[in-house]
């Protein structure tokens, strides 16, 4: 009888905990994506580059591969941003 009562009580609780855990993992993944990508273009942002550049360099050295970095400076980008709107 105690086992049945325990199953009756804890099974719904465990399902709720599992559901909330999945929600938290999804929220964390979403926040991590937002933190590492530009909201307007979807490209990796400066934060991502800063966090991962050393790892990329070390990996390229270890594999004896070339590594290239490209930086773009767009003239009148403020005008484009003002026209298309800023990403939030």
Foldseek 3Di string as FASTA:
>chain_A
DVVVVCCVPVVVVVVVVVVVVVVVVVVVVVVVQPVQAAQPPSHGDPVVCVVCVVVVVVVCVVVVHDDDDDDDDDPPVVVVCVVVHGGD
